[in-house]
Structure formats: structure tokens, C-alpha cells
Protein backbone atom coordinates (compact mmCIF):
# COMPACT_ATOMS: atom_id res chain seq x y z
CA UNK A 1 -19.40 -20.58 -8.46
CA UNK A 2 -21.21 -19.42 -5.36
CA UNK A 3 -19.20 -17.45 -2.87
CA UNK A 4 -19.62 -18.46 0.75
CA UNK A 5 -18.42 -16.88 3.96
CA UNK A 6 -16.10 -19.80 4.60
CA UNK A 7 -14.14 -19.12 1.40
CA UNK A 8 -10.55 -19.52 2.67
CA UNK A 9 -9.31 -16.68 0.48
CA UNK A 10 -11.69 -14.26 2.14
CA UNK A 11 -11.01 -15.13 5.75
CA UNK A 12 -11.28 -12.00 7.81
CA UNK A 13 -8.29 -9.74 8.10
CA UNK A 14 -8.02 -7.40 11.05
CA UNK A 15 -10.39 -4.51 10.40
CA UNK A 16 -7.65 -2.02 11.22
CA UNK A 17 -5.50 -3.47 8.45
CA UNK A 18 -8.25 -3.11 5.84
CA UNK A 19 -9.07 0.40 7.05
CA UNK A 20 -5.38 1.36 6.83
CA UNK A 21 -5.26 0.01 3.26
CA UNK A 22 -8.42 1.96 2.32
CA UNK A 23 -7.11 5.20 3.82
CA UNK A 24 -3.84 4.83 1.92
CA UNK A 25 -5.67 3.91 -1.28
CA UNK A 26 -7.77 7.07 -1.00
CA UNK A 27 -4.63 9.18 -0.54
CA UNK A 28 -3.05 7.52 -3.56
CA UNK A 29 -6.11 7.90 -5.77
CA UNK A 30 -6.21 11.62 -4.94
CA UNK A 31 -2.97 11.91 -6.96
CA UNK A 32 -3.61 11.37 -10.69
CA UNK A 33 -0.05 10.17 -11.26
CA UNK A 34 -0.60 7.18 -8.96
CA UNK A 35 -2.42 4.98 -11.49
CA UNK A 36 -0.46 6.46 -14.39
CA UNK A 37 2.79 5.44 -12.69
CA UNK A 38 1.38 2.03 -11.84
CA UNK A 39 0.31 1.31 -15.42
CA UNK A 40 3.59 2.60 -16.86
CA UNK A 41 5.49 0.18 -14.62
CA UNK A 42 3.09 -2.74 -15.07
CA UNK A 43 2.85 -2.46 -18.85
CA UNK A 44 6.63 -2.20 -18.95
CA UNK A 45 7.07 -5.27 -16.76
CA UNK A 46 6.98 -7.75 -19.66
CA UNK A 47 6.27 -8.07 -23.36
CA UNK A 48 3.30 -10.29 -22.52
CA UNK A 49 1.72 -7.70 -20.24
CA UNK A 50 2.45 -4.96 -22.79
CA UNK A 51 0.64 -6.99 -25.47
CA UNK A 52 -2.41 -7.46 -23.24
CA UNK A 53 -2.74 -3.68 -22.89
CA UNK A 54 -1.98 -2.81 -26.53
CA UNK A 55 -5.44 -1.42 -27.30
CA UNK A 56 -6.46 -0.24 -23.84
CA UNK A 57 -8.30 2.96 -22.98
CA UNK A 58 -6.22 3.75 -19.90
CA UNK A 59 -8.60 6.35 -18.49
CA UNK A 60 -11.36 3.73 -18.41
CA UNK A 61 -8.95 1.05 -17.22
CA UNK A 62 -7.77 3.23 -14.32
CA UNK A 63 -11.37 3.79 -13.18
CA UNK A 64 -12.05 0.05 -13.31
CA UNK A 65 -8.89 -0.72 -11.35
CA UNK A 66 -9.75 1.82 -8.65
CA UNK A 67 -13.23 0.29 -8.35
CA UNK A 68 -11.77 -3.23 -8.19
CA UNK A 69 -9.36 -2.31 -5.41
CA UNK A 70 -12.27 -1.03 -3.34
CA UNK A 71 -14.31 -4.16 -4.17
CA UNK A 72 -11.56 -6.41 -2.81
CA UNK A 73 -11.25 -4.47 0.45
CA UNK A 74 -14.97 -4.11 0.98
CA UNK A 75 -15.53 -7.80 0.18
CA UNK A 76 -13.15 -8.69 2.99
CA UNK A 77 -15.20 -6.57 5.35
CA UNK A 78 -18.63 -7.61 4.13
CA UNK A 79 -21.20 -10.28 4.53
CA UNK A 80 -21.68 -13.11 2.04
CA UNK A 81 -24.48 -11.24 0.28
CA UNK A 82 -22.75 -7.85 0.19
CA UNK A 83 -22.49 -6.27 -3.27
CA UNK A 84 -18.70 -6.44 -3.17
CA UNK A 85 -18.65 -10.17 -2.37
CA UNK A 86 -21.28 -10.85 -4.99
CA UNK A 87 -19.09 -9.05 -7.57
CA UNK A 88 -15.93 -11.10 -6.94
CA UNK A 89 -16.93 -14.16 -9.00
CA UNK A 90 -17.66 -11.88 -11.98
CA UNK A 91 -14.24 -10.22 -11.60
CA UNK A 92 -12.55 -13.61 -11.36
CA UNK A 93 -14.33 -14.90 -14.45
CA UNK A 94 -13.49 -11.74 -16.40
CA UNK A 95 -9.79 -12.09 -15.56
CA UNK A 96 -9.74 -15.88 -16.00
CA UNK A 97 -8.39 -17.98 -18.85
CA UNK A 98 -11.57 -17.81 -20.92
CA UNK A 99 -11.72 -14.02 -21.11
CA UNK A 100 -8.76 -11.73 -20.33
CA UNK A 101 -6.49 -14.68 -19.51
CA UNK A 102 -4.61 -12.98 -16.69
CA UNK A 103 -2.27 -15.79 -15.75
CA UNK A 104 -1.61 -16.42 -12.06
CA UNK A 105 2.02 -15.27 -12.31
CA UNK A 106 0.95 -11.86 -13.67
CA UNK A 107 -0.37 -10.96 -10.24
CA UNK A 108 3.15 -10.91 -8.77
CA UNK A 109 4.23 -8.12 -11.14
CA UNK A 110 0.85 -6.40 -10.71
CA UNK A 111 1.25 -6.27 -6.93
CA UNK A 112 4.91 -5.22 -7.09
CA UNK A 113 4.09 -2.35 -9.47
CA UNK A 114 1.09 -1.28 -7.42
CA UNK A 115 3.11 -1.27 -4.19
CA UNK A 116 5.88 0.71 -5.84
CA UNK A 117 3.39 3.33 -7.03
CA UNK A 118 1.74 3.48 -3.60
CA UNK A 119 5.10 3.80 -1.85
CA UNK A 120 6.02 6.71 -4.13
CA UNK A 121 2.63 8.41 -3.83
CA UNK A 122 1.42 8.05 -0.24
CA UNK A 123 3.53 10.25 2.07
CA UNK A 124 2.34 8.15 5.03
CA UNK A 125 3.47 4.84 3.51
CA UNK A 126 5.31 2.64 6.06
CA UNK A 127 6.28 -1.01 6.29
CA UNK A 128 3.13 -1.62 8.34
CA UNK A 129 1.04 0.03 5.65
CA UNK A 130 2.76 -2.06 2.99
CA UNK A 131 1.76 -5.15 4.96
CA UNK A 132 -1.85 -3.91 4.98
CA UNK A 133 -1.72 -3.53 1.18
CA UNK A 134 -0.14 -6.99 0.81
CA UNK A 135 -2.65 -8.68 3.12
CA UNK A 136 -5.70 -7.00 1.59
CA UNK A 137 -4.71 -7.42 -2.02
CA UNK A 138 -3.15 -10.81 -1.34
CA UNK A 139 -6.57 -12.17 -0.40
CA UNK A 140 -7.99 -10.88 -3.67
CA UNK A 141 -5.05 -12.27 -5.65
CA UNK A 142 -5.42 -15.69 -4.00
CA UNK A 143 -9.12 -15.64 -4.90
CA UNK A 144 -8.36 -14.77 -8.55
CA UNK A 145 -5.57 -17.32 -8.88
CA UNK A 146 -7.72 -20.10 -7.48
CA UNK A 147 -10.38 -19.38 -10.09
CA UNK A 148 -8.05 -19.15 -13.09
């Protein structure tokens, strides 16, 4: 599926909101426990999620997640042909029903666990910053859900 600028899930967010998300993400990723805490909470969120991660190399998984979070934010900032936007269909296919089968409802727990870890890790986390995380990642989640 070709990605076009008019994709409703990638409508522009205020640049300040994306930049705030990225700054917070960088602060969080500077703390190794951030992704460890996230995965502990997410894997513990349900038996189904736990089963999906049964044979996971979490060091590799954490690197891929960090990259994916940047891809989502940069895709929202970029042009149609930007590398981040071009990568989104591949990410959606990988997480879709024919590969990893990440069901649409899994994203609710994923976001809740990620926000909880960010809130605990970023000393500058505020309600406004939480909204920046929700808006930025919400666009990516909507994109993934629509392509499940």
C-alpha cells in the first residue's frame, strides 16, 4: 500500500508537540531502565502478550522499539518520500495479522505501559508532555490499526 501525504493518520501535528515528544524520548532512552520497565509492564499486561514475547531477545527488541518510536515521530514531520514515511508500511505489515499478529487492542496496553515508563523516567514529564506522547504515538497506532 502506497503511503501518501493525505493519509489521515499522518495529518500534521504541531511541530512543537512532536519536538517535545522527541526531547522526552531522548531523555527516557538515556536511562537503560526505561525500556526494561516498559517491557516488564507490557509483557505482564496479559497472558497473550506474554506468549508473544516468550522467545524474544529483549536487547534487540529494545533497539527496534527505540528506532520505531523515532520513525513514527519523524514520519509525522517528513515528506511523503522521507525514509521514515517509506518505512511505515513495512512496520505495519510486520506487525499485522499475517506476521506478528499484533491485534489492534494490544496497542492500548502498549501505550499505557510506555506512558507509565516515560512518566517514571523523564523528570520533566508533565500532562502537556503526556499529550505530546499520546498525539505522536496515537497517529502511529491509528496507522497500524488501520492496516491490521
